[in-house]
Amino acid sequence: MFSDALPSVAPTAEVLKTLTNGLSAYGRLYGLPDSPEQVQGILGTLLRLYQPDRPAIAIDQVAQQVLDGLTPDTLKDAIVDRASSALAKQAHHWQQQVGQQVEGVLAAYMQQHNPNLTPDNLRSVVTAVMPLLDDGPITGSEAMGLVSQLTETFAPSGAIAAVLNSDYLGLAQQLATSLSQKPMAEAVGETLVAYVEKFAPTLTNIGSDLISKALSAVLKNQVDFGFDVDLGVVNEQLLIQQVSFKLNILRQSPPPSKTAQAIAAEVNSAVEAYRRDRDRREGSLDLTAGLVSNDGLSISSGWTSTRPKAQPPAQPPSDPPPSA
């Protein structure tokens, strides 16, 4: 759906060498998954840690390009030194931390809200946990790699009997609320996709204010979507988090329904009214509230909140020695 802000370019020799060596070191220390999605996620983490200022879109592009060019000989011939091993260990530790948090939230969710969580809907539930965390920046390739990994490894039978970390109880409640709002979030996402396709084809990010305007339009027309929702019970912040994560981080573009396409015109009218009001008040905008997307509406980080961070049990990872 979105226009990429940066053209796709081949990674430099230095970046390619760093990623290849880092991935080889990761494989020798921990083993590499069979899933290409998970390998791309590892590459995304390695690159984000190596070049933290690189835009998320560019990280995803480079991770995909390196993955496409990987061969067994490429990894076999890679030079694993102290620097590449340190980068691999840092990437693995970050993945472990996030994985422990997601598993903790899932265990609390199962015990408190849904003891019958099945493998069939596990992937969508894991995906819904991601934007609730506050663990720093993440890219789409990393998120999808972690979702794939956790969908494979999470054991509902063990989680239902696990001892709960109290830090995860509040997140489990937020997860339950987010999942209950999923049909509404999907309708908002479809409406925004329709809006971008028709009215803002060059848009690269969806701002929180724009998501809020789309939510208002959907709620005004909830009968057309088949909703029966009281505006007062909608948790707007959680819905915005879920929609922003799906559109801005995962960059998924659900095909809009005819209803969403019709309501997109209402969103456009609201945006135009906002712009006219902004022009009248030019110079009075508070840009400290967040970044500004190129539609002129505010946008927050796709993985940022003001909550205290939920911490997993403090267990520093033990690293096996590299194999020969």
Protein backbone atom coordinates (compact mmCIF):
# COMPACT_ATOMS: atom_id res chain seq x y z
CA MET A 1 0.00 0.00 0.00
CA PHE A 2 2.58 2.56 1.07
CA SER A 3 5.11 4.27 -1.12
CA ASP A 4 8.57 3.34 0.12
CA ALA A 5 10.45 6.42 1.27
CA LEU A 6 13.75 5.00 0.05
CA PRO A 7 14.54 3.33 -3.27
CA SER A 8 15.76 -0.23 -3.04
CA VAL A 9 19.55 -0.29 -3.25
CA ALA A 10 22.09 -3.10 -2.99
CA PRO A 11 23.88 -3.25 0.37
CA THR A 12 27.47 -2.03 0.40
CA ALA A 13 30.29 -4.54 0.57
CA GLU A 14 30.88 -3.60 4.21
CA VAL A 15 27.25 -4.15 5.19
CA LEU A 16 27.06 -7.41 3.26
CA LYS A 17 30.23 -8.69 4.93
CA THR A 18 29.02 -7.68 8.39
CA LEU A 19 25.64 -9.35 7.95
CA THR A 20 27.08 -12.50 6.43
CA ASN A 21 29.72 -12.85 9.13
CA GLY A 22 27.18 -12.06 11.84
CA LEU A 23 24.69 -14.60 10.52
CA SER A 24 27.40 -17.23 10.24
CA ALA A 25 28.47 -16.53 13.82
CA TYR A 26 24.83 -16.74 14.93
CA GLY A 27 24.50 -20.13 13.23
CA ARG A 28 27.64 -21.51 14.84
CA LEU A 29 26.64 -20.28 18.28
CA TYR A 30 22.92 -21.04 18.29
CA GLY A 31 22.00 -22.74 15.02
CA LEU A 32 19.96 -21.21 12.21
CA PRO A 33 16.23 -21.85 11.75
CA ASP A 34 14.90 -23.53 8.63
CA SER A 35 12.30 -20.80 8.13
CA PRO A 36 13.41 -18.05 5.68
CA GLU A 37 11.11 -15.66 7.56
CA GLN A 38 13.02 -16.29 10.78
CA VAL A 39 16.42 -15.98 9.08
CA GLN A 40 15.36 -12.65 7.59
CA GLY A 41 14.33 -11.57 11.09
CA ILE A 42 17.80 -12.39 12.40
CA LEU A 43 19.36 -10.41 9.56
CA GLY A 44 17.09 -7.49 10.40
CA THR A 45 18.19 -7.53 14.03
CA LEU A 46 21.87 -7.79 13.10
CA LEU A 47 21.57 -4.81 10.76
CA ARG A 48 19.51 -2.71 13.19
CA LEU A 49 22.11 -3.26 15.91
CA TYR A 50 24.98 -2.56 13.50
CA GLN A 51 23.40 0.56 11.98
CA PRO A 52 20.73 1.80 14.42
CA ASP A 53 20.16 5.01 12.46
CA ARG A 54 19.23 3.20 9.24
CA PRO A 55 15.49 3.58 8.48
CA ALA A 56 13.33 0.55 9.20
CA ILE A 57 12.22 0.31 5.57
CA ALA A 58 15.84 0.16 4.42
CA ILE A 59 16.66 -2.51 7.02
CA ASP A 60 13.82 -4.68 5.75
CA GLN A 61 14.94 -4.17 2.15
CA VAL A 62 18.57 -5.07 2.85
CA ALA A 63 17.62 -8.08 4.99
CA GLN A 64 15.51 -9.39 2.11
CA GLN A 65 18.28 -8.81 -0.42
CA VAL A 66 20.90 -10.57 1.71
CA LEU A 67 18.52 -13.47 2.35
CA ASP A 68 17.87 -13.84 -1.40
CA GLY A 69 21.62 -14.05 -2.08
CA LEU A 70 22.52 -16.50 0.69
CA THR A 71 24.07 -19.84 -0.21
CA PRO A 72 25.59 -22.55 2.03
CA ASP A 73 29.03 -21.61 0.72
CA THR A 74 28.44 -17.95 1.61
CA LEU A 75 28.00 -18.80 5.28
CA LYS A 76 30.68 -21.49 5.24
CA ASP A 77 33.29 -19.09 3.87
CA ALA A 78 32.33 -16.25 6.21
CA ILE A 79 34.92 -15.08 8.71
CA VAL A 80 33.69 -15.41 12.27
CA ASP A 81 35.74 -13.15 14.52
CA ARG A 82 35.24 -11.45 17.87
CA ALA A 83 33.22 -8.60 16.37
CA SER A 84 30.81 -10.84 14.44
CA SER A 85 30.38 -13.12 17.45
CA ALA A 86 29.62 -10.15 19.70
CA LEU A 87 27.03 -8.88 17.23
CA ALA A 88 25.42 -12.32 17.01
CA LYS A 89 25.27 -12.64 20.79
CA GLN A 90 23.67 -9.21 21.10
CA ALA A 91 21.05 -10.11 18.49
CA HIS A 92 20.27 -13.42 20.16
CA HIS A 93 19.98 -11.81 23.58
CA TRP A 94 17.52 -9.22 22.26
CA GLN A 95 15.43 -11.92 20.62
CA GLN A 96 15.42 -13.93 23.84
CA GLN A 97 14.26 -10.93 25.86
CA VAL A 98 11.39 -10.14 23.52
CA GLY A 99 10.45 -13.81 23.22
CA GLN A 100 10.29 -14.18 27.02
CA GLN A 101 8.04 -11.13 27.28
CA VAL A 102 5.66 -12.40 24.60
CA GLU A 103 5.50 -15.84 26.20
CA GLY A 104 4.84 -14.27 29.59
CA VAL A 105 1.96 -12.20 28.22
CA LEU A 106 0.54 -15.24 26.43
CA ALA A 107 0.68 -17.34 29.60
CA ALA A 108 -1.10 -14.62 31.60
CA TYR A 109 -3.67 -14.22 28.83
CA MET A 110 -4.41 -17.93 28.75
CA GLN A 111 -4.72 -18.23 32.52
CA GLN A 112 -6.79 -15.08 32.97
CA HIS A 113 -8.85 -14.82 29.77
CA ASN A 114 -8.63 -17.72 27.33
CA PRO A 115 -7.48 -21.15 28.52
CA ASN A 116 -8.49 -22.68 25.17
CA LEU A 117 -6.01 -20.86 22.95
CA THR A 118 -5.43 -23.11 19.93
CA PRO A 119 -2.58 -23.36 17.42
CA ASP A 120 -4.97 -22.21 14.71
CA ASN A 121 -5.23 -18.66 16.10
CA LEU A 122 -1.89 -18.54 17.92
CA ARG A 123 -0.13 -16.57 15.18
CA SER A 124 -2.68 -13.75 15.18
CA VAL A 125 -2.57 -13.58 19.00
CA VAL A 126 1.24 -13.44 19.05
CA THR A 127 1.12 -10.66 16.46
CA ALA A 128 -1.32 -8.72 18.65
CA VAL A 129 1.09 -8.93 21.61
CA MET A 130 3.93 -7.20 19.76
CA PRO A 131 2.65 -3.60 19.76
CA LEU A 132 1.81 -3.85 23.46
CA LEU A 133 5.47 -4.24 24.42
CA ASP A 134 7.86 -1.39 25.07
CA ASP A 135 11.21 -2.82 24.11
CA GLY A 136 12.56 -0.23 21.72
CA PRO A 137 12.46 -0.09 17.93
CA ILE A 138 11.60 -3.05 15.75
CA THR A 139 11.40 -3.58 12.01
CA GLY A 140 8.89 -5.54 10.00
CA SER A 141 11.34 -8.33 9.21
CA GLU A 142 12.21 -8.72 12.89
CA ALA A 143 8.57 -8.75 13.95
CA MET A 144 7.55 -11.35 11.41
CA GLY A 145 10.58 -13.50 12.25
CA LEU A 146 9.71 -13.44 15.95
CA VAL A 147 6.04 -14.14 15.27
CA SER A 148 7.03 -17.15 13.18
CA GLN A 149 9.46 -18.42 15.81
CA LEU A 150 7.08 -17.99 18.74
CA THR A 151 4.22 -19.59 16.85
CA GLU A 152 6.43 -22.66 16.43
CA THR A 153 7.84 -22.83 19.95
CA PHE A 154 5.08 -21.61 22.28
CA ALA A 155 3.46 -24.49 24.17
CA PRO A 156 -0.07 -23.67 25.40
CA SER A 157 -0.16 -26.78 27.59
CA GLY A 158 2.85 -25.56 29.56
CA ALA A 159 1.69 -21.94 29.68
CA ILE A 160 -1.60 -22.77 31.34
CA ALA A 161 0.31 -24.14 34.35
CA ALA A 162 3.16 -21.63 34.39
CA VAL A 163 3.84 -19.38 37.37
CA LEU A 164 2.79 -15.89 36.29
CA ASN A 165 4.95 -12.80 36.44
CA SER A 166 2.69 -10.06 37.82
CA ASP A 167 4.18 -7.59 35.32
CA TYR A 168 2.38 -9.40 32.53
CA LEU A 169 -1.13 -9.34 33.99
CA GLY A 170 -1.88 -5.82 32.84
CA LEU A 171 -0.53 -6.56 29.36
CA ALA A 172 -2.70 -9.67 29.21
CA GLN A 173 -5.75 -7.51 29.91
CA GLN A 174 -4.68 -5.14 27.15
CA LEU A 175 -4.26 -8.11 24.83
CA ALA A 176 -7.77 -9.35 25.62
CA THR A 177 -9.16 -5.88 24.90
CA SER A 178 -7.18 -5.59 21.66
CA LEU A 179 -8.42 -8.96 20.45
CA SER A 180 -12.02 -8.05 21.27
CA GLN A 181 -11.58 -4.95 19.10
CA LYS A 182 -9.95 -6.83 16.23
CA PRO A 183 -12.94 -6.62 13.81
CA MET A 184 -13.08 -2.87 14.37
CA ALA A 185 -9.32 -2.52 13.93
CA GLU A 186 -9.55 -4.45 10.65
CA ALA A 187 -12.31 -2.12 9.44
CA VAL A 188 -10.20 0.92 10.34
CA GLY A 189 -7.20 -0.59 8.57
CA GLU A 190 -9.22 -1.29 5.43
CA THR A 191 -10.57 2.25 5.49
CA LEU A 192 -7.06 3.69 5.73
CA VAL A 193 -5.86 1.49 2.88
CA ALA A 194 -8.75 2.78 0.76
CA TYR A 195 -7.95 6.36 1.80
CA VAL A 196 -4.29 6.04 0.83
CA GLU A 197 -5.06 4.35 -2.49
CA LYS A 198 -7.51 7.06 -3.55
CA PHE A 199 -6.43 10.26 -1.80
CA ALA A 200 -2.80 9.92 -0.60
CA PRO A 201 -0.87 7.50 -2.83
CA THR A 202 2.52 8.91 -1.79
CA LEU A 203 1.93 8.42 1.93
CA THR A 204 4.72 6.49 3.67
CA ASN A 205 3.40 6.35 7.24
CA ILE A 206 0.01 6.50 8.90
CA GLY A 207 -0.16 8.97 11.80
CA SER A 208 -2.05 8.33 15.03
CA ASP A 209 -4.38 11.28 14.38
CA LEU A 210 -5.25 9.86 10.97
CA ILE A 211 -6.03 6.48 12.52
CA SER A 212 -8.23 8.27 15.06
CA LYS A 213 -10.13 10.05 12.29
CA ALA A 214 -10.65 6.76 10.47
CA LEU A 215 -11.92 5.19 13.71
CA SER A 216 -14.42 8.01 14.15
CA ALA A 217 -15.66 7.53 10.59
CA VAL A 218 -16.00 3.77 11.07
CA LEU A 219 -17.92 4.18 14.32
CA LYS A 220 -20.31 6.65 12.70
CA ASN A 221 -21.01 4.00 10.08
CA GLN A 222 -20.73 0.94 12.27
CA VAL A 223 -24.07 -0.44 11.06
CA ASP A 224 -22.60 -0.75 7.57
CA PHE A 225 -19.73 -2.80 9.03
CA GLY A 226 -22.07 -4.89 11.16
CA PHE A 227 -20.81 -3.51 14.48
CA ASP A 228 -22.85 -2.88 17.59
CA VAL A 229 -20.33 -0.95 19.64
CA ASP A 230 -20.73 1.78 22.21
CA LEU A 231 -18.21 4.55 21.47
CA GLY A 232 -17.58 4.91 25.19
CA VAL A 233 -16.23 1.37 25.56
CA VAL A 234 -13.71 1.56 22.70
CA ASN A 235 -10.10 1.67 23.88
CA GLU A 236 -8.82 4.06 21.23
CA GLN A 237 -5.18 3.95 22.31
CA LEU A 238 -4.97 0.17 22.01
CA LEU A 239 -6.76 0.19 18.69
CA ILE A 240 -4.39 2.82 17.31
CA GLN A 241 -1.40 0.74 18.48
CA GLN A 242 -2.68 -2.35 16.67
CA VAL A 243 -3.55 -0.55 13.43
CA SER A 244 -0.29 1.41 13.40
CA PHE A 245 1.75 -1.74 13.97
CA LYS A 246 0.02 -3.60 11.16
CA LEU A 247 0.22 -0.76 8.63
CA ASN A 248 3.49 0.98 9.54
CA ILE A 249 5.68 -1.86 10.87
CA LEU A 250 4.37 -4.99 9.17
CA ARG A 251 3.29 -2.88 6.18
CA GLN A 252 0.34 -5.14 5.53
CA SER A 253 -2.38 -3.84 3.22
CA PRO A 254 -5.71 -5.63 3.67
CA PRO A 255 -7.90 -5.28 0.58
CA PRO A 256 -10.57 -2.70 1.40
CA SER A 257 -14.25 -3.62 1.26
CA LYS A 258 -16.74 -1.48 -0.65
CA THR A 259 -17.91 -0.08 2.70
CA ALA A 260 -14.34 0.94 3.59
CA GLN A 261 -13.87 2.53 0.19
CA ALA A 262 -17.01 4.62 0.68
CA ILE A 263 -16.02 5.74 4.18
CA ALA A 264 -12.54 6.70 2.99
CA ALA A 265 -14.13 9.78 1.44
CA GLU A 266 -15.33 10.83 4.90
CA VAL A 267 -11.80 10.41 6.24
CA ASN A 268 -10.50 12.58 3.43
CA SER A 269 -13.06 15.29 4.27
CA ALA A 270 -11.93 15.18 7.91
CA VAL A 271 -8.27 15.44 6.88
CA GLU A 272 -9.01 18.40 4.60
CA ALA A 273 -10.89 20.14 7.41
CA TYR A 274 -7.94 19.49 9.72
CA ARG A 275 -5.54 21.01 7.19
CA ARG A 276 -7.70 24.11 6.75
CA ASP A 277 -7.87 24.58 10.51
CA ARG A 278 -4.14 24.02 10.79
CA ASP A 279 -3.46 26.64 8.14
CA ARG A 280 -5.58 29.14 10.10
CA ARG A 281 -3.56 28.36 13.20
CA GLU A 282 -0.21 28.18 11.43
CA GLY A 283 2.67 28.47 13.83
CA SER A 284 0.70 27.25 16.84
CA LEU A 285 1.10 23.50 16.33
CA ASP A 286 2.83 21.61 19.12
CA LEU A 287 5.33 19.47 17.27
CA THR A 288 6.77 18.18 20.52
CA ALA A 289 3.85 15.75 20.74
CA GLY A 290 5.48 13.48 18.18
CA LEU A 291 6.81 13.31 14.70
CA VAL A 292 4.71 14.51 11.78
CA SER A 293 3.86 12.20 8.89
CA ASN A 294 3.80 13.47 5.34
CA ASP A 295 0.02 13.78 5.45
CA GLY A 296 0.49 16.54 8.02
CA LEU A 297 -0.89 14.51 10.91
CA SER A 298 1.03 13.42 13.97
CA ILE A 299 2.62 10.01 14.07
CA SER A 300 4.23 8.22 16.99
CA SER A 301 6.69 5.38 16.84
CA GLY A 302 5.04 2.14 15.87
CA TRP A 303 6.51 0.42 18.91
CA THR A 304 6.51 3.06 21.61
CA SER A 305 4.35 3.66 24.65
CA THR A 306 4.55 5.50 27.96
CA ARG A 307 4.04 2.40 30.08
CA PRO A 308 6.79 1.04 32.32
CA LYS A 309 8.56 -1.77 30.49
CA ALA A 310 7.63 -5.31 31.57
CA GLN A 311 10.83 -7.18 32.33
CA PRO A 312 11.40 -10.92 32.01
CA PRO A 313 13.17 -12.76 34.84
CA ALA A 314 16.80 -11.69 35.00
CA GLN A 315 18.64 -14.63 33.51
CA PRO A 316 21.70 -13.68 31.47
CA PRO A 317 22.04 -15.96 28.47
CA SER A 318 24.71 -18.60 28.50
CA ASP A 319 26.44 -18.89 25.17
CA PRO A 320 27.68 -22.25 23.90
CA PRO A 321 31.15 -22.22 22.42
CA PRO A 322 31.33 -21.96 18.64
CA SER A 323 31.56 -25.29 16.89
CA ALA A 324 34.48 -26.07 14.74
